[in-house]
């Protein structure tokens, strides 16, 4: 028989996790799941309304995360911390993919199914989403008129007004390019950032030069990260258009919007436009 000394005792894992807490669970304290799962107040007798409401609420949460990422990226660009900015943009790609997947539960709604609870929305419409508006403002799609629906909510209105007058994510990109010695015109750098961004031939030339050079250049890689964002935003808009067209055809949208016609116009717009047009010159 071996006389080797016994090794250290191996601690036995408990058979069950800790179950007894004095108050709410640590998980509840962090996630606030009880709050989240009691925010659904159905207004019709149709069982399909629940998935519509929850899906819309999930979209709002993804808007919140994406705004956080893009604001993080914009701040990092102001501070010349390009790796931090690119990391935030890349995280937002996975989040945009999840946001876009939110359309799947609603993508095959028939007009009859949507009409069964559409009246519950009243004058509610997605264009009234304040967090989505902040996303659009960060993309350079500025419009002071879009603050009007939020005049009755002072905190929300103040946040949107602040976002309206701050440089967009793309404004910060162009300022970084200028600091790195690229010929971004003064008219672009000094423009009124509360207005919608308009494409510039000189900015297109800057991106053309960057894309004609070393593909591993950090600014070219930034351009590709922005292009990935722009593509997923375009897919979001098109998925929204298709789901709406399928559910309600060409009827006027809730809240008095033009419905499909308005969404078609939005789907035709490119985010970060010179990143797309420059490709024709490389």
Protein backbone atom coordinates (compact mmCIF):
# COMPACT_ATOMS: atom_id res chain seq x y z
CA UNK A 1 0.00 0.00 0.00
CA UNK A 2 1.29 3.49 -0.90
CA UNK A 3 2.51 5.70 1.93
CA UNK A 4 2.25 8.91 -0.10
CA UNK A 5 0.77 11.78 1.96
CA UNK A 6 -2.79 12.72 1.10
CA UNK A 7 -3.20 15.79 -1.12
CA UNK A 8 -5.21 18.85 -0.15
CA UNK A 9 -8.91 18.23 0.23
CA UNK A 10 -10.94 19.21 -2.79
CA UNK A 11 -13.81 21.51 -1.89
CA UNK A 12 -17.14 20.04 -2.83
CA UNK A 13 -19.37 22.27 -4.95
CA UNK A 14 -22.71 22.92 -3.28
CA UNK A 15 -25.56 20.90 -4.74
CA UNK A 16 -27.83 23.93 -4.96
CA UNK A 17 -27.13 27.65 -5.43
CA UNK A 18 -27.74 30.20 -2.72
CA UNK A 19 -31.53 30.61 -2.60
CA UNK A 20 -32.27 32.59 0.55
CA UNK A 21 -32.03 36.40 0.22
CA UNK A 22 -33.27 39.02 2.64
CA UNK A 23 -34.81 41.16 -0.06
CA UNK A 24 -35.04 40.92 -3.82
CA UNK A 25 -32.44 38.78 -5.58
CA UNK A 26 -29.15 40.34 -6.72
CA UNK A 27 -30.21 39.46 -10.27
CA UNK A 28 -33.42 41.49 -9.88
CA UNK A 29 -31.53 44.37 -8.31
CA UNK A 30 -29.23 44.54 -11.35
CA UNK A 31 -31.55 43.68 -14.25
CA UNK A 32 -34.83 45.10 -12.91
CA UNK A 33 -36.63 42.21 -14.60
CA UNK A 34 -39.80 42.73 -12.57
CA UNK A 35 -40.06 46.27 -13.89
CA UNK A 36 -39.39 45.19 -17.48
CA UNK A 37 -41.90 42.33 -17.46
CA UNK A 38 -44.70 44.47 -16.06
CA UNK A 39 -44.48 47.28 -18.62
CA UNK A 40 -46.88 45.58 -21.03
CA UNK A 41 -50.35 47.10 -20.83
CA UNK A 42 -52.47 45.53 -23.53
CA UNK A 43 -55.28 47.68 -24.93
CA UNK A 44 -57.14 45.17 -27.08
CA UNK A 45 -58.48 41.63 -26.79
CA UNK A 46 -56.27 40.38 -29.60
CA UNK A 47 -53.53 37.97 -28.44
CA UNK A 48 -51.22 39.26 -31.18
CA UNK A 49 -50.95 42.67 -29.55
CA UNK A 50 -48.55 41.32 -26.90
CA UNK A 51 -45.84 40.37 -29.40
CA UNK A 52 -46.23 43.73 -31.17
CA UNK A 53 -45.87 45.65 -27.91
CA UNK A 54 -42.96 43.61 -26.53
CA UNK A 55 -41.12 43.71 -29.86
CA UNK A 56 -41.47 47.49 -29.97
CA UNK A 57 -40.18 47.77 -26.40
CA UNK A 58 -37.21 45.55 -27.26
CA UNK A 59 -36.45 47.85 -30.19
CA UNK A 60 -36.40 50.82 -27.82
CA UNK A 61 -33.85 49.04 -25.64
CA UNK A 62 -31.63 48.34 -28.64
CA UNK A 63 -31.93 52.00 -29.71
CA UNK A 64 -30.67 52.93 -26.23
CA UNK A 65 -27.65 50.63 -26.46
CA UNK A 66 -26.74 51.78 -29.98
CA UNK A 67 -26.99 55.47 -29.01
CA UNK A 68 -24.62 54.69 -26.11
CA UNK A 69 -22.13 53.04 -28.49
CA UNK A 70 -22.22 55.86 -31.04
CA UNK A 71 -21.89 58.54 -28.35
CA UNK A 72 -18.93 56.58 -26.97
CA UNK A 73 -17.41 56.50 -30.46
CA UNK A 74 -18.01 60.22 -31.01
CA UNK A 75 -16.36 61.11 -27.69
CA UNK A 76 -13.38 58.87 -28.49
CA UNK A 77 -12.97 60.51 -31.90
CA UNK A 78 -12.95 63.96 -30.26
CA UNK A 79 -10.12 62.71 -28.04
CA UNK A 80 -8.20 61.08 -30.94
CA UNK A 81 -8.68 57.63 -29.41
CA UNK A 82 -9.37 55.88 -32.69
CA UNK A 83 -9.14 52.26 -31.41
CA UNK A 84 -11.78 53.00 -28.75
CA UNK A 85 -14.06 54.54 -31.38
CA UNK A 86 -13.69 51.62 -33.78
CA UNK A 87 -14.32 49.13 -30.97
CA UNK A 88 -17.59 50.90 -30.09
CA UNK A 89 -18.64 50.97 -33.75
CA UNK A 90 -17.92 47.25 -34.10
CA UNK A 91 -19.96 46.46 -30.99
CA UNK A 92 -22.82 48.44 -32.48
CA UNK A 93 -22.78 46.18 -35.54
CA UNK A 94 -23.80 43.16 -33.45
CA UNK A 95 -26.42 45.30 -31.76
CA UNK A 96 -27.78 46.55 -35.08
CA UNK A 97 -28.04 42.96 -36.27
CA UNK A 98 -30.08 42.12 -33.15
CA UNK A 99 -32.21 45.23 -33.67
CA UNK A 100 -32.90 44.28 -37.27
CA UNK A 101 -33.83 40.75 -36.21
CA UNK A 102 -36.57 42.31 -34.08
CA UNK A 103 -38.61 42.71 -37.26
CA UNK A 104 -38.96 38.94 -37.64
CA UNK A 105 -41.91 38.49 -35.26
CA UNK A 106 -43.76 41.26 -37.14
CA UNK A 107 -42.49 40.69 -40.68
CA UNK A 108 -45.41 38.54 -41.85
CA UNK A 109 -48.33 40.37 -40.31
CA UNK A 110 -51.35 40.39 -42.62
CA UNK A 111 -53.53 43.50 -42.83
CA UNK A 112 -56.29 41.69 -40.93
CA UNK A 113 -53.93 40.68 -38.12
CA UNK A 114 -52.55 44.20 -37.77
CA UNK A 115 -55.99 45.79 -37.95
CA UNK A 116 -57.17 43.59 -35.06
CA UNK A 117 -55.20 45.77 -32.62
CA UNK A 118 -54.09 48.76 -34.67
CA UNK A 119 -56.69 51.00 -33.04
CA UNK A 120 -54.92 50.41 -29.70
CA UNK A 121 -52.03 52.51 -30.98
CA UNK A 122 -54.26 55.57 -31.34
CA UNK A 123 -52.02 58.29 -32.76
CA UNK A 124 -48.87 56.45 -31.70
CA UNK A 125 -46.22 55.95 -34.37
CA UNK A 126 -42.60 54.87 -34.48
CA UNK A 127 -41.46 58.26 -35.77
CA UNK A 128 -42.35 59.61 -32.31
CA UNK A 129 -39.61 57.50 -30.68
CA UNK A 130 -37.21 59.91 -28.95
CA UNK A 131 -34.39 57.38 -28.71
CA UNK A 132 -34.67 56.49 -32.37
CA UNK A 133 -34.54 60.21 -33.13
CA UNK A 134 -31.29 60.44 -31.18
CA UNK A 135 -29.94 57.62 -33.35
CA UNK A 136 -30.88 59.53 -36.48
CA UNK A 137 -29.31 62.73 -35.15
CA UNK A 138 -26.06 60.87 -34.48
CA UNK A 139 -26.13 59.72 -38.11
CA UNK A 140 -26.40 63.34 -39.29
CA UNK A 141 -30.14 63.21 -40.05
CA UNK A 142 -30.94 66.40 -38.15
CA UNK A 143 -34.33 68.13 -38.17
CA UNK A 144 -35.51 70.65 -35.57
CA UNK A 145 -39.14 69.90 -36.48
CA UNK A 146 -38.75 66.39 -35.04
CA UNK A 147 -38.50 67.92 -31.56
CA UNK A 148 -42.07 69.22 -31.78
CA UNK A 149 -43.82 65.95 -30.78
CA UNK A 150 -41.84 65.94 -27.52
CA UNK A 151 -42.72 69.41 -26.23
CA UNK A 152 -44.95 67.84 -23.58
CA UNK A 153 -42.04 65.84 -22.09
CA UNK A 154 -39.47 68.40 -20.85
CA UNK A 155 -36.65 65.95 -20.05
CA UNK A 156 -36.94 64.13 -23.36
CA UNK A 157 -37.24 67.41 -25.28
CA UNK A 158 -34.12 68.79 -23.56
CA UNK A 159 -32.12 65.66 -24.40
CA UNK A 160 -33.17 65.83 -28.03
CA UNK A 161 -32.43 69.55 -28.26
CA UNK A 162 -28.96 68.92 -26.85
CA UNK A 163 -28.40 66.11 -29.39
CA UNK A 164 -29.64 68.36 -32.22
CA UNK A 165 -26.96 70.97 -31.52
CA UNK A 166 -24.09 68.53 -30.94
CA UNK A 167 -21.85 67.30 -33.77
CA UNK A 168 -23.00 64.03 -35.26
CA UNK A 169 -20.84 60.92 -35.28
CA UNK A 170 -19.88 61.71 -38.89
CA UNK A 171 -19.03 65.32 -38.00
CA UNK A 172 -16.54 63.97 -35.48
CA UNK A 173 -15.10 61.62 -38.11
CA UNK A 174 -14.55 64.50 -40.54
CA UNK A 175 -12.94 66.63 -37.84
CA UNK A 176 -10.56 63.77 -37.10
CA UNK A 177 -9.69 63.49 -40.80
CA UNK A 178 -8.92 67.22 -40.87
CA UNK A 179 -6.69 66.94 -37.78
CA UNK A 180 -4.85 64.10 -39.53
CA UNK A 181 -4.03 66.44 -42.41
CA UNK A 182 -6.76 65.57 -44.92
CA UNK A 183 -8.38 68.32 -46.99
CA UNK A 184 -11.83 68.50 -45.41
CA UNK A 185 -13.14 71.95 -46.39
CA UNK A 186 -13.73 74.62 -43.76
CA UNK A 187 -17.34 74.95 -44.89
CA UNK A 188 -17.93 71.36 -43.76
CA UNK A 189 -15.98 71.68 -40.51
CA UNK A 190 -17.70 74.94 -39.54
CA UNK A 191 -21.21 74.10 -40.73
CA UNK A 192 -24.31 74.43 -38.54
CA UNK A 193 -24.41 70.94 -37.03
CA UNK A 194 -28.11 71.29 -36.18
CA UNK A 195 -28.87 70.93 -39.90
CA UNK A 196 -28.96 67.74 -41.94
CA UNK A 197 -25.56 66.78 -43.32
CA UNK A 198 -25.21 67.35 -47.07
CA UNK A 199 -22.61 65.50 -49.20
CA UNK A 200 -19.42 67.30 -50.18
CA UNK A 201 -17.31 66.58 -53.31
CA UNK A 202 -14.16 67.46 -51.35
CA UNK A 203 -15.03 64.96 -48.61
CA UNK A 204 -15.68 62.38 -51.31
CA UNK A 205 -12.16 63.10 -52.64
CA UNK A 206 -10.68 62.53 -49.16
CA UNK A 207 -12.32 59.11 -48.87
CA UNK A 208 -11.30 58.28 -52.46
CA UNK A 209 -7.67 58.99 -51.58
CA UNK A 210 -7.86 56.92 -48.40
CA UNK A 211 -9.43 53.97 -50.18
CA UNK A 212 -6.89 54.19 -53.00
CA UNK A 213 -4.03 53.78 -50.53
CA UNK A 214 -3.16 51.22 -47.87
CA UNK A 215 -6.25 49.22 -46.91
CA UNK A 216 -4.72 48.60 -43.47
CA UNK A 217 -4.49 52.34 -42.76
CA UNK A 218 -6.38 53.06 -39.55
CA UNK A 219 -8.54 55.70 -41.23
CA UNK A 220 -9.47 53.34 -44.06
CA UNK A 221 -10.45 50.77 -41.43
CA UNK A 222 -12.54 53.44 -39.71
CA UNK A 223 -14.25 54.05 -43.04
CA UNK A 224 -15.09 50.37 -43.36
CA UNK A 225 -16.52 50.25 -39.82
CA UNK A 226 -18.71 53.24 -40.66
CA UNK A 227 -19.77 51.59 -43.94
CA UNK A 228 -20.81 48.47 -42.01
CA UNK A 229 -22.93 50.67 -39.74
CA UNK A 230 -24.46 52.45 -42.72
CA UNK A 231 -25.33 49.17 -44.43
CA UNK A 232 -27.13 47.83 -41.36
CA UNK A 233 -29.04 51.10 -40.93
CA UNK A 234 -30.12 50.80 -44.57
CA UNK A 235 -31.26 47.21 -43.91
CA UNK A 236 -33.19 48.39 -40.84
CA UNK A 237 -35.03 50.98 -42.90
CA UNK A 238 -35.81 48.51 -45.66
CA UNK A 239 -37.02 45.82 -43.25
CA UNK A 240 -39.27 48.45 -41.66
CA UNK A 241 -40.58 49.38 -45.09
CA UNK A 242 -41.32 45.77 -46.08
CA UNK A 243 -43.01 44.92 -42.78
CA UNK A 244 -45.18 48.04 -43.00
CA UNK A 245 -46.06 47.49 -46.65
CA UNK A 246 -47.10 43.92 -45.84
CA UNK A 247 -49.20 44.86 -42.81
CA UNK A 248 -50.99 47.94 -44.14
CA UNK A 249 -50.20 48.51 -47.80
CA UNK A 250 -50.22 52.16 -48.83
CA UNK A 251 -52.64 53.38 -46.15
CA UNK A 252 -51.84 56.43 -44.04
CA UNK A 253 -49.58 55.50 -41.14
CA UNK A 254 -50.49 55.77 -37.47
CA UNK A 255 -49.89 59.25 -36.10
CA UNK A 256 -50.75 60.80 -39.47
CA UNK A 257 -47.49 59.88 -41.20
CA UNK A 258 -47.44 59.06 -44.89
CA UNK A 259 -46.79 55.42 -44.02
CA UNK A 260 -45.09 53.44 -46.78
CA UNK A 261 -44.43 56.54 -48.91
CA UNK A 262 -42.49 58.16 -46.07
CA UNK A 263 -40.55 54.96 -45.37
CA UNK A 264 -39.69 54.56 -49.07
CA UNK A 265 -38.18 58.04 -49.06
CA UNK A 266 -36.14 57.24 -45.95
CA UNK A 267 -34.92 53.93 -47.40
CA UNK A 268 -33.42 55.71 -50.40
CA UNK A 269 -31.07 57.82 -48.25
CA UNK A 270 -27.48 56.69 -47.68
CA UNK A 271 -25.88 57.21 -44.31
CA UNK A 272 -22.33 58.66 -44.52
CA UNK A 273 -22.91 59.34 -48.24
CA UNK A 274 -19.34 60.00 -49.44
CA UNK A 275 -18.23 56.62 -48.17
CA UNK A 276 -20.50 55.14 -50.84
CA UNK A 277 -19.90 57.52 -53.74
CA UNK A 278 -16.10 57.47 -53.29
CA UNK A 279 -16.07 53.78 -54.25
CA UNK A 280 -16.90 54.70 -57.84
CA UNK A 281 -13.58 56.57 -58.11
CA UNK A 282 -11.19 54.01 -56.62
